[in-house]
C-alpha atoms as a PDB file:
ATOM      1  CA  MET A   1       0.000   0.000   0.000  1.00  0.00           C
ATOM      2  CA  SER A   2       1.326   3.416  -0.912  1.00  0.00           C
ATOM      3  CA  PHE A   3       1.610   6.365   1.427  1.00  0.00           C
ATOM      4  CA  ARG A   4      -1.030   8.185  -0.609  1.00  0.00           C
ATOM      5  CA  GLY A   5      -3.447   5.275  -0.248  1.00  0.00           C
ATOM      6  CA  LEU A   6      -2.876   5.191   3.499  1.00  0.00           C
ATOM      7  CA  LEU A   7      -3.594   8.923   3.825  1.00  0.00           C
ATOM      8  CA  LEU A   8      -6.706   8.645   1.662  1.00  0.00           C
ATOM      9  CA  GLY A   9      -7.955   5.815   3.857  1.00  0.00           C
ATOM     10  CA  LEU A  10      -7.255   7.737   7.040  1.00  0.00           C
ATOM     11  CA  PHE A  11      -9.145  10.810   5.802  1.00  0.00           C
ATOM     12  CA  ALA A  12     -12.044   8.683   4.545  1.00  0.00           C
ATOM     13  CA  VAL A  13     -12.827   7.626   8.126  1.00  0.00           C
ATOM     14  CA  PRO A  14     -13.810  11.166   9.299  1.00  0.00           C
ATOM     15  CA  VAL A  15     -15.954  11.539   6.162  1.00  0.00           C
ATOM     16  CA  VAL A  16     -17.874   8.377   7.052  1.00  0.00           C
ATOM     17  CA  VAL A  17     -18.221   9.348  10.734  1.00  0.00           C
ATOM     18  CA  GLY A  18     -19.375  12.865   9.828  1.00  0.00           C
ATOM     19  CA  GLY A  19     -21.878  11.527   7.310  1.00  0.00           C
ATOM     20  CA  TYR A  20     -23.232   9.103   9.908  1.00  0.00           C
ATOM     21  CA  LEU A  21     -23.658  11.814  12.552  1.00  0.00           C
ATOM     22  CA  LEU A  22     -25.333  14.192  10.095  1.00  0.00           C
ATOM     23  CA  THR A  23     -27.695  11.452   8.912  1.00  0.00           C
ATOM     24  CA  GLN A  24     -28.533  10.492  12.485  1.00  0.00           C
ATOM     25  CA  ALA A  25     -29.346  14.100  13.391  1.00  0.00           C
ATOM     26  CA  ALA A  26     -31.351  14.705  10.208  1.00  0.00           C
ATOM     27  CA  THR A  27     -33.489  11.588  10.582  1.00  0.00           C
ATOM     28  CA  ALA A  28     -34.465  12.196  14.213  1.00  0.00           C
ATOM     29  CA  ASP A  29     -38.263  12.323  14.159  1.00  0.00           C
ATOM     30  CA  GLY A  30     -38.636  14.662  17.145  1.00  0.00           C
ATOM     31  CA  THR A  31     -40.620  12.236  19.302  1.00  0.00           C
ATOM     32  CA  PRO A  32     -38.984  12.048  22.739  1.00  0.00           C
ATOM     33  CA  ARG A  33     -37.529   8.591  23.385  1.00  0.00           C
ATOM     34  CA  CYS A  34     -36.693   7.283  26.834  1.00  0.00           C
ATOM     35  CA  ASP A  35     -33.575   5.136  26.926  1.00  0.00           C
ATOM     36  CA  GLY A  36     -34.220   4.458  30.605  1.00  0.00           C
ATOM     37  CA  ILE A  37     -37.509   3.264  32.064  1.00  0.00           C
ATOM     38  CA  ILE A  38     -41.024   4.679  31.644  1.00  0.00           C
ATOM     39  CA  GLU A  39     -43.226   3.606  34.496  1.00  0.00           C
ATOM     40  CA  GLU A  40     -46.702   2.882  33.222  1.00  0.00           C
ATOM     41  CA  TYR A  41     -49.871   2.016  35.050  1.00  0.00           C
ATOM     42  CA  GLY A  42     -49.427  -0.725  37.597  1.00  0.00           C
ATOM     43  CA  ASP A  43     -46.131  -2.541  37.619  1.00  0.00           C
ATOM     44  CA  GLN A  44     -45.430  -2.316  33.885  1.00  0.00           C
ATOM     45  CA  GLU A  45     -42.218  -0.675  32.741  1.00  0.00           C
ATOM     46  CA  ARG A  46     -40.986   0.008  29.233  1.00  0.00           C
ATOM     47  CA  SER A  47     -38.533   2.122  27.288  1.00  0.00           C
ATOM     48  CA  GLY A  48     -38.885   3.754  23.882  1.00  0.00           C
ATOM     49  CA  PRO A  49     -41.119   6.523  22.544  1.00  0.00           C
ATOM     50  CA  MET A  50     -42.763   8.660  25.192  1.00  0.00           C
ATOM     51  CA  LYS A  51     -46.283  10.054  25.323  1.00  0.00           C
ATOM     52  CA  PRO A  52     -47.182  13.480  26.757  1.00  0.00           C
ATOM     53  CA  GLY A  53     -47.448  13.339  30.538  1.00  0.00           C
ATOM     54  CA  GLU A  54     -45.022  10.433  30.961  1.00  0.00           C
ATOM     55  CA  THR A  55     -41.841  10.599  33.006  1.00  0.00           C
ATOM     56  CA  CYS A  56     -38.600   8.919  32.024  1.00  0.00           C
ATOM     57  CA  ASP A  57     -36.407   7.457  34.751  1.00  0.00           C
ATOM     58  CA  LEU A  58     -32.856   7.919  33.465  1.00  0.00           C
ATOM     59  CA  TYR A  59     -31.657   4.585  34.748  1.00  0.00           C
ATOM     60  CA  ASP A  60     -27.935   3.869  34.587  1.00  0.00           C
ATOM     61  CA  PHE A  61     -27.776   0.202  33.643  1.00  0.00           C
ATOM     62  CA  ALA A  62     -24.018   0.006  34.341  1.00  0.00           C
ATOM     63  CA  ASP A  63     -24.236   0.612  38.090  1.00  0.00           C
ATOM     64  CA  GLY A  64     -27.949  -0.040  38.649  1.00  0.00           C
ATOM     65  CA  ARG A  65     -28.829   3.428  39.902  1.00  0.00           C
ATOM     66  CA  SER A  66     -31.268   6.086  38.856  1.00  0.00           C
ATOM     67  CA  ALA A  67     -29.626   9.154  37.317  1.00  0.00           C
ATOM     68  CA  GLY A  68     -32.747  11.315  37.706  1.00  0.00           C
ATOM     69  CA  THR A  69     -35.987  11.776  35.809  1.00  0.00           C
ATOM     70  CA  ARG A  70     -37.173  13.833  32.847  1.00  0.00           C
ATOM     71  CA  THR A  71     -40.649  14.810  31.759  1.00  0.00           C
ATOM     72  CA  TYR A  72     -41.841  14.481  28.172  1.00  0.00           C
ATOM     73  CA  GLU A  73     -40.990  18.132  27.484  1.00  0.00           C
ATOM     74  CA  GLN A  74     -37.568  17.942  29.159  1.00  0.00           C
ATOM     75  CA  GLN A  75     -36.654  14.805  27.203  1.00  0.00           C
ATOM     76  CA  GLY A  76     -37.713  16.493  23.947  1.00  0.00           C
ATOM     77  CA  LYS A  77     -35.505  19.515  24.691  1.00  0.00           C
ATOM     78  CA  ALA A  78     -32.567  17.279  25.625  1.00  0.00           C
ATOM     79  CA  GLN A  79     -32.897  15.349  22.368  1.00  0.00           C
ATOM     80  CA  ASP A  80     -33.096  18.587  20.355  1.00  0.00           C
ATOM     81  CA  ALA A  81     -29.872  19.745  22.015  1.00  0.00           C
ATOM     82  CA  ASP A  82     -28.246  16.386  21.203  1.00  0.00           C
ATOM     83  CA  ALA A  83     -29.324  16.695  17.565  1.00  0.00           C
ATOM     84  CA  GLY A  84     -27.816  20.193  17.392  1.00  0.00           C
ATOM     85  CA  ARG A  85     -24.529  18.875  18.767  1.00  0.00           C
ATOM     86  CA  ASP A  86     -24.639  16.014  16.253  1.00  0.00           C
ATOM     87  CA  TYR A  87     -25.065  18.526  13.389  1.00  0.00           C
ATOM     88  CA  TRP A  88     -22.016  20.522  14.526  1.00  0.00           C
ATOM     89  CA  THR A  89     -19.876  17.503  15.316  1.00  0.00           C
ATOM     90  CA  GLY A  90     -20.831  15.705  12.103  1.00  0.00           C
ATOM     91  CA  GLY A  91     -20.215  18.842  10.054  1.00  0.00           C
ATOM     92  CA  LEU A  92     -16.771  19.313  11.577  1.00  0.00           C
ATOM     93  CA  TRP A  93     -15.790  15.664  11.022  1.00  0.00           C
ATOM     94  CA  LEU A  94     -17.052  15.799   7.450  1.00  0.00           C
ATOM     95  CA  ALA A  95     -15.266  19.088   6.704  1.00  0.00           C
ATOM     96  CA  TYR A  96     -12.018  17.785   8.221  1.00  0.00           C
ATOM     97  CA  GLY A  97     -12.190  14.591   6.169  1.00  0.00           C
ATOM     98  CA  VAL A  98     -13.061  16.348   2.909  1.00  0.00           C
ATOM     99  CA  ALA A  99     -10.312  18.923   3.446  1.00  0.00           C
ATOM    100  CA  GLY A 100      -7.795  16.169   4.127  1.00  0.00           C
ATOM    101  CA  LEU A 101      -8.864  14.176   1.092  1.00  0.00           C
ATOM    102  CA  THR A 102      -8.632  17.287  -1.053  1.00  0.00           C
ATOM    103  CA  VAL A 103      -5.151  18.205   0.186  1.00  0.00           C
ATOM    104  CA  VAL A 104      -3.833  14.658  -0.249  1.00  0.00           C
ATOM    105  CA  THR A 105      -5.340  14.316  -3.714  1.00  0.00           C
ATOM    106  CA  VAL A 106      -4.243  17.729  -4.995  1.00  0.00           C
ATOM    107  CA  HIS A 107      -0.833  17.939  -3.309  1.00  0.00           C
ATOM    108  CA  LEU A 108       0.302  14.421  -4.104  1.00  0.00           C
ATOM    109  CA  GLY A 109      -1.249  14.642  -7.576  1.00  0.00           C
ATOM    110  CA  LEU A 110       0.746  17.792  -8.341  1.00  0.00           C
ATOM    111  CA  ARG A 111       3.934  16.246  -7.016  1.00  0.00           C
ATOM    112  CA  ARG A 112       3.524  13.208  -9.295  1.00  0.00           C
ATOM    113  CA  ARG A 113       2.884  15.338 -12.366  1.00  0.00           C
ATOM    114  CA  GLY A 114       5.862  17.577 -11.615  1.00  0.00           C
ATOM    115  CA  ALA A 115       8.240  14.674 -11.054  1.00  0.00           C
END
């Protein structure tokens, strides 16, 4: 494998990660989802999409403790903030990868033609 191929491969990774993050943020449907536990009527518990009026127990499955609760509105705002961060992070990763690919392609392409 050539040095140019290695650099192209290394800069392709941020392009893929950035594209994934941007796609994830763009396809979020806006319905608050509880990754913890939603206590329903009786003893039933579930996770997943929330309905207005429900409360999400942010359960930490690693240590078995509750990390607090969020209402439907609070969970929606938290997910909107996460999507905004995903847009910025994905955009930066994508821009970094595209810039790197461009520099490697143009710089090494010019060097080959000049040699």
